[in-house]
Amino acid sequence: KQLFWEKRLQGIDVFDSYHEAIRPVDLSDTLCKPMGPDITPDIVLHSIASSLYMKTHTVIGQTGQQALIRKDPGVWMNAHQPLCSQLSVTESDIRKQEDKIAELRRKLCDVVQQ
């Protein structure tokens, strides 16, 4: 696998059926920080999505130290992991997302019933 193939997707926008650009997902630095040379949040998102889609390994992120990766990314980066710092999802994170989804479903139900 080419180490930085996700960079080829840099600058590509996604459009809806009305030809309006879809706002990119905001990955806060609390979830994962970009790792590697010139890695933007959009590239991190592409990287995570492709890692989840491929399902060849458990997705944990880069485990190397940022300083070593900056020094020589070809040696210290794992090509099978997304280009972000090590991921950690807790039960609390999952519960918060489930609560948000439940609230949005309740709001949608209210709107549909009106």
C-alpha atoms as a PDB file:
ATOM      1  CA  LYS A   1       0.000   0.000   0.000  1.00  0.00           C
ATOM      2  CA  GLN A   2       1.271   3.450  -0.868  1.00  0.00           C
ATOM      3  CA  LEU A   3       1.845   5.326   2.392  1.00  0.00           C
ATOM      4  CA  PHE A   4       0.251   8.672   1.496  1.00  0.00           C
ATOM      5  CA  TRP A   5      -2.218   7.663  -1.210  1.00  0.00           C
ATOM      6  CA  GLU A   6      -4.996   9.481   0.654  1.00  0.00           C
ATOM      7  CA  LYS A   7      -3.290  12.788  -0.222  1.00  0.00           C
ATOM      8  CA  ARG A   8      -4.477  12.252  -3.807  1.00  0.00           C
ATOM      9  CA  LEU A   9      -7.995  12.941  -2.526  1.00  0.00           C
ATOM     10  CA  GLN A  10      -6.910  16.325  -1.171  1.00  0.00           C
ATOM     11  CA  GLY A  11      -8.972  19.221  -2.497  1.00  0.00           C
ATOM     12  CA  ILE A  12     -11.806  17.068  -3.859  1.00  0.00           C
ATOM     13  CA  ASP A  13     -15.227  18.311  -2.779  1.00  0.00           C
ATOM     14  CA  VAL A  14     -18.452  16.354  -2.437  1.00  0.00           C
ATOM     15  CA  PHE A  15     -21.701  17.764  -3.820  1.00  0.00           C
ATOM     16  CA  ASP A  16     -25.333  16.945  -3.094  1.00  0.00           C
ATOM     17  CA  SER A  17     -28.067  16.418  -5.694  1.00  0.00           C
ATOM     18  CA  TYR A  18     -28.588  20.216  -5.865  1.00  0.00           C
ATOM     19  CA  HIS A  19     -24.924  20.690  -6.828  1.00  0.00           C
ATOM     20  CA  GLU A  20     -24.117  22.381  -3.536  1.00  0.00           C
ATOM     21  CA  ALA A  21     -20.905  21.531  -1.728  1.00  0.00           C
ATOM     22  CA  ILE A  22     -21.400  19.350   1.326  1.00  0.00           C
ATOM     23  CA  ARG A  23     -19.687  20.696   4.417  1.00  0.00           C
ATOM     24  CA  PRO A  24     -16.839  18.407   5.509  1.00  0.00           C
ATOM     25  CA  VAL A  25     -17.055  16.563   8.802  1.00  0.00           C
ATOM     26  CA  ASP A  26     -15.227  18.326  11.619  1.00  0.00           C
ATOM     27  CA  LEU A  27     -12.823  15.971  13.341  1.00  0.00           C
ATOM     28  CA  SER A  28     -11.948  17.730  16.543  1.00  0.00           C
ATOM     29  CA  ASP A  29      -8.398  17.348  17.793  1.00  0.00           C
ATOM     30  CA  THR A  30      -9.794  15.521  20.795  1.00  0.00           C
ATOM     31  CA  LEU A  31     -10.726  12.553  18.588  1.00  0.00           C
ATOM     32  CA  CYS A  32      -7.514  12.311  16.607  1.00  0.00           C
ATOM     33  CA  LYS A  33      -4.706  14.586  15.522  1.00  0.00           C
ATOM     34  CA  PRO A  34      -3.217  14.468  12.014  1.00  0.00           C
ATOM     35  CA  MET A  35       0.094  12.598  11.867  1.00  0.00           C
ATOM     36  CA  GLY A  36       2.578  12.982   9.045  1.00  0.00           C
ATOM     37  CA  PRO A  37       3.825  15.679   6.705  1.00  0.00           C
ATOM     38  CA  ASP A  38       1.151  18.130   5.494  1.00  0.00           C
ATOM     39  CA  ILE A  39      -1.765  15.952   6.634  1.00  0.00           C
ATOM     40  CA  THR A  40      -4.983  17.981   6.848  1.00  0.00           C
ATOM     41  CA  PRO A  41      -8.208  17.029   8.676  1.00  0.00           C
ATOM     42  CA  ASP A  42      -9.810  16.128   5.323  1.00  0.00           C
ATOM     43  CA  ILE A  43      -6.993  13.689   4.569  1.00  0.00           C
ATOM     44  CA  VAL A  44      -7.392  12.194   8.054  1.00  0.00           C
ATOM     45  CA  LEU A  45     -11.097  11.664   7.382  1.00  0.00           C
ATOM     46  CA  HIS A  46     -10.373   9.942   4.037  1.00  0.00           C
ATOM     47  CA  SER A  47      -7.743   7.844   5.770  1.00  0.00           C
ATOM     48  CA  ILE A  48     -10.074   6.730   8.575  1.00  0.00           C
ATOM     49  CA  ALA A  49     -12.901   5.991   6.126  1.00  0.00           C
ATOM     50  CA  SER A  50     -10.666   3.867   3.912  1.00  0.00           C
ATOM     51  CA  SER A  51      -9.282   1.980   6.917  1.00  0.00           C
ATOM     52  CA  LEU A  52     -12.801   1.193   8.126  1.00  0.00           C
ATOM     53  CA  TYR A  53     -13.903   0.219   4.620  1.00  0.00           C
ATOM     54  CA  MET A  54     -10.963  -2.129   4.000  1.00  0.00           C
ATOM     55  CA  LYS A  55     -11.467  -3.968   7.322  1.00  0.00           C
ATOM     56  CA  THR A  56      -8.080  -5.650   7.072  1.00  0.00           C
ATOM     57  CA  HIS A  57      -6.856  -4.635  10.537  1.00  0.00           C
ATOM     58  CA  THR A  58      -8.205  -3.181  13.757  1.00  0.00           C
ATOM     59  CA  VAL A  59      -8.234   0.610  13.323  1.00  0.00           C
ATOM     60  CA  ILE A  60      -6.201   2.230  16.090  1.00  0.00           C
ATOM     61  CA  GLY A  61      -4.291   5.048  14.372  1.00  0.00           C
ATOM     62  CA  GLN A  62      -0.560   5.661  14.324  1.00  0.00           C
ATOM     63  CA  THR A  63       1.244   4.456  17.415  1.00  0.00           C
ATOM     64  CA  GLY A  64       4.594   6.104  16.666  1.00  0.00           C
ATOM     65  CA  GLN A  65       5.806   9.313  18.246  1.00  0.00           C
ATOM     66  CA  GLN A  66       4.966  12.522  16.359  1.00  0.00           C
ATOM     67  CA  ALA A  67       8.587  13.697  16.456  1.00  0.00           C
ATOM     68  CA  LEU A  68       9.849  10.470  14.873  1.00  0.00           C
ATOM     69  CA  ILE A  69       7.124  10.498  12.239  1.00  0.00           C
ATOM     70  CA  ARG A  70       7.978  14.095  11.284  1.00  0.00           C
ATOM     71  CA  LYS A  71      11.638  13.121  11.048  1.00  0.00           C
ATOM     72  CA  ASP A  72      11.136  10.120   8.745  1.00  0.00           C
ATOM     73  CA  PRO A  73       7.493   9.194   8.006  1.00  0.00           C
ATOM     74  CA  GLY A  74       8.442   6.403   5.618  1.00  0.00           C
ATOM     75  CA  VAL A  75      10.069   4.464   8.444  1.00  0.00           C
ATOM     76  CA  TRP A  76       7.884   5.272  11.437  1.00  0.00           C
ATOM     77  CA  MET A  77       4.362   5.268   9.972  1.00  0.00           C
ATOM     78  CA  ASN A  78       2.179   2.177   9.701  1.00  0.00           C
ATOM     79  CA  ALA A  79       0.671   2.136   6.196  1.00  0.00           C
ATOM     80  CA  HIS A  80      -2.237  -0.035   7.387  1.00  0.00           C
ATOM     81  CA  GLN A  81      -3.459   2.550   9.905  1.00  0.00           C
ATOM     82  CA  PRO A  82      -5.113   5.956   9.342  1.00  0.00           C
ATOM     83  CA  LEU A  83      -2.907   9.043   9.283  1.00  0.00           C
ATOM     84  CA  CYS A  84      -3.889  10.223  12.757  1.00  0.00           C
ATOM     85  CA  SER A  85      -2.788   9.820  16.339  1.00  0.00           C
ATOM     86  CA  GLN A  86      -3.877   6.759  18.250  1.00  0.00           C
ATOM     87  CA  LEU A  87      -7.661   6.570  18.554  1.00  0.00           C
ATOM     88  CA  SER A  88      -9.458   5.850  21.769  1.00  0.00           C
ATOM     89  CA  VAL A  89     -13.243   5.569  21.891  1.00  0.00           C
ATOM     90  CA  THR A  90     -14.727   5.121  25.356  1.00  0.00           C
ATOM     91  CA  GLU A  91     -18.131   3.864  26.457  1.00  0.00           C
ATOM     92  CA  SER A  92     -18.916   7.452  27.427  1.00  0.00           C
ATOM     93  CA  ASP A  93     -18.204   8.627  23.856  1.00  0.00           C
ATOM     94  CA  ILE A  94     -20.515   5.956  22.484  1.00  0.00           C
ATOM     95  CA  ARG A  95     -23.285   6.852  24.950  1.00  0.00           C
ATOM     96  CA  LYS A  96     -23.029  10.554  24.036  1.00  0.00           C
ATOM     97  CA  GLN A  97     -23.413   9.735  20.341  1.00  0.00           C
ATOM     98  CA  GLU A  98     -26.331   7.404  21.037  1.00  0.00           C
ATOM     99  CA  ASP A  99     -28.025  10.160  23.055  1.00  0.00           C
ATOM    100  CA  LYS A 100     -27.539  12.653  20.206  1.00  0.00           C
ATOM    101  CA  ILE A 101     -29.032  10.207  17.714  1.00  0.00           C
ATOM    102  CA  ALA A 102     -32.002   9.464  19.976  1.00  0.00           C
ATOM    103  CA  GLU A 103     -32.660  13.212  20.399  1.00  0.00           C
ATOM    104  CA  LEU A 104     -32.484  13.817  16.637  1.00  0.00           C
ATOM    105  CA  ARG A 105     -34.857  10.916  16.021  1.00  0.00           C
ATOM    106  CA  ARG A 106     -37.321  12.367  18.534  1.00  0.00           C
ATOM    107  CA  LYS A 107     -37.151  15.761  16.794  1.00  0.00           C
ATOM    108  CA  LEU A 108     -37.638  14.130  13.391  1.00  0.00           C
ATOM    109  CA  CYS A 109     -40.618  12.189  14.685  1.00  0.00           C
ATOM    110  CA  ASP A 110     -42.171  15.402  16.038  1.00  0.00           C
ATOM    111  CA  VAL A 111     -41.700  17.171  12.708  1.00  0.00           C
ATOM    112  CA  VAL A 112     -43.172  14.245  10.740  1.00  0.00           C
ATOM    113  CA  GLN A 113     -46.208  14.061  13.037  1.00  0.00           C
ATOM    114  CA  GLN A 114     -47.001  17.784  12.610  1.00  0.00           C
END
